[in-house]
Amino acid sequence: MKLIKKTKEHTIYQKRSGRYGVQSNSKKWINGEDKVKILSKAKLITLKAAAPKKEEPVAEEAPVESAE
């Protein structure tokens, strides 16, 4: 792994696959949202806004007609 950036709190590495690894100073790997925050703050990744969910129209039931 290649050392990219070292700070007081963590160290950022780049793996051979191109992905990033973040390790705390206590030598524990950081994962999940914390890792994303660190990498975006270091401007190594960019976050895309989530696409808004499309609401499906609710099918209305036709009134029941009585056959007389």
C-alpha atoms as a PDB file:
ATOM      1  CA  MET A   1       0.000   0.000   0.000  1.00  0.00           C
ATOM      2  CA  LYS A   2       1.115   3.489  -0.796  1.00  0.00           C
ATOM      3  CA  LEU A   3       1.074   6.237   1.851  1.00  0.00           C
ATOM      4  CA  ILE A   4      -1.075   9.135   0.649  1.00  0.00           C
ATOM      5  CA  LYS A   5      -1.508  11.398   3.666  1.00  0.00           C
ATOM      6  CA  LYS A   6      -0.653  11.290   7.354  1.00  0.00           C
ATOM      7  CA  THR A   7      -2.312  13.506   9.971  1.00  0.00           C
ATOM      8  CA  LYS A   8      -2.395  13.583  13.764  1.00  0.00           C
ATOM      9  CA  GLU A   9      -5.551  11.461  13.888  1.00  0.00           C
ATOM     10  CA  HIS A  10      -5.192   9.013  10.978  1.00  0.00           C
ATOM     11  CA  THR A  11      -3.175   7.756   8.012  1.00  0.00           C
ATOM     12  CA  ILE A  12      -4.581   7.336   4.498  1.00  0.00           C
ATOM     13  CA  TYR A  13      -3.242   4.613   2.224  1.00  0.00           C
ATOM     14  CA  GLN A  14      -4.003   3.758  -1.403  1.00  0.00           C
ATOM     15  CA  LYS A  15      -4.255   0.085  -2.206  1.00  0.00           C
ATOM     16  CA  ARG A  16      -3.028  -1.468  -5.456  1.00  0.00           C
ATOM     17  CA  SER A  17      -6.663  -1.775  -6.529  1.00  0.00           C
ATOM     18  CA  GLY A  18      -7.003   2.019  -6.366  1.00  0.00           C
ATOM     19  CA  ARG A  19      -9.198   1.985  -3.274  1.00  0.00           C
ATOM     20  CA  TYR A  20      -8.321   3.832  -0.083  1.00  0.00           C
ATOM     21  CA  GLY A  21      -7.712   2.549   3.426  1.00  0.00           C
ATOM     22  CA  VAL A  22      -7.811   4.741   6.520  1.00  0.00           C
ATOM     23  CA  GLN A  23      -6.016   3.713   9.695  1.00  0.00           C
ATOM     24  CA  SER A  24      -6.215   5.487  13.051  1.00  0.00           C
ATOM     25  CA  ASN A  25      -3.103   6.248  15.090  1.00  0.00           C
ATOM     26  CA  SER A  26      -4.014   3.317  17.346  1.00  0.00           C
ATOM     27  CA  LYS A  27      -3.499   1.089  14.240  1.00  0.00           C
ATOM     28  CA  LYS A  28      -7.209   0.255  13.886  1.00  0.00           C
ATOM     29  CA  TRP A  29      -8.810   0.448  10.448  1.00  0.00           C
ATOM     30  CA  ILE A  30     -11.616   2.976  10.021  1.00  0.00           C
ATOM     31  CA  ASN A  31     -14.655   1.921   7.975  1.00  0.00           C
ATOM     32  CA  GLY A  32     -18.101   3.128   7.014  1.00  0.00           C
ATOM     33  CA  GLU A  33     -19.315   6.689   7.245  1.00  0.00           C
ATOM     34  CA  ASP A  34     -16.277   7.811   9.233  1.00  0.00           C
ATOM     35  CA  LYS A  35     -13.987   6.675   6.413  1.00  0.00           C
ATOM     36  CA  VAL A  36     -16.120   8.463   3.810  1.00  0.00           C
ATOM     37  CA  LYS A  37     -16.009  11.697   5.823  1.00  0.00           C
ATOM     38  CA  ILE A  38     -12.212  11.538   6.153  1.00  0.00           C
ATOM     39  CA  LEU A  39     -11.655  10.804   2.445  1.00  0.00           C
ATOM     40  CA  SER A  40     -14.047  13.525   1.293  1.00  0.00           C
ATOM     41  CA  LYS A  41     -12.428  16.030   3.659  1.00  0.00           C
ATOM     42  CA  ALA A  42      -9.040  15.119   2.156  1.00  0.00           C
ATOM     43  CA  LYS A  43     -10.634  15.661  -1.309  1.00  0.00           C
ATOM     44  CA  LEU A  44      -9.751  12.147  -2.451  1.00  0.00           C
ATOM     45  CA  ILE A  45     -13.356  11.230  -3.227  1.00  0.00           C
ATOM     46  CA  THR A  46     -16.444  13.221  -4.169  1.00  0.00           C
ATOM     47  CA  LEU A  47     -19.907  12.481  -2.881  1.00  0.00           C
ATOM     48  CA  LYS A  48     -22.873  12.498  -5.211  1.00  0.00           C
ATOM     49  CA  ALA A  49     -26.264  13.682  -4.016  1.00  0.00           C
ATOM     50  CA  ALA A  50     -28.808  10.916  -3.707  1.00  0.00           C
ATOM     51  CA  ALA A  51     -31.448  10.913  -6.417  1.00  0.00           C
ATOM     52  CA  PRO A  52     -34.878  11.842  -5.106  1.00  0.00           C
ATOM     53  CA  LYS A  53     -37.250   8.925  -4.832  1.00  0.00           C
ATOM     54  CA  LYS A  54     -40.122   8.932  -7.298  1.00  0.00           C
ATOM     55  CA  GLU A  55     -43.484   8.423  -5.704  1.00  0.00           C
ATOM     56  CA  GLU A  56     -45.688   5.999  -7.528  1.00  0.00           C
ATOM     57  CA  PRO A  57     -49.273   7.184  -8.011  1.00  0.00           C
ATOM     58  CA  VAL A  58     -51.720   5.323  -5.855  1.00  0.00           C
ATOM     59  CA  ALA A  59     -54.334   3.491  -7.903  1.00  0.00           C
ATOM     60  CA  GLU A  60     -57.784   4.560  -6.796  1.00  0.00           C
ATOM     61  CA  GLU A  61     -60.459   1.937  -6.568  1.00  0.00           C
ATOM     62  CA  ALA A  62     -63.542   2.481  -8.728  1.00  0.00           C
ATOM     63  CA  PRO A  63     -66.808   2.654  -6.777  1.00  0.00           C
ATOM     64  CA  VAL A  64     -68.745  -0.570  -6.827  1.00  0.00           C
ATOM     65  CA  GLU A  65     -71.975  -0.270  -8.803  1.00  0.00           C
ATOM     66  CA  SER A  66     -74.892  -2.337  -7.713  1.00  0.00           C
ATOM     67  CA  ALA A  67     -76.674  -4.263 -10.451  1.00  0.00           C
ATOM     68  CA  GLU A  68     -80.427  -3.913  -9.946  1.00  0.00           C
END
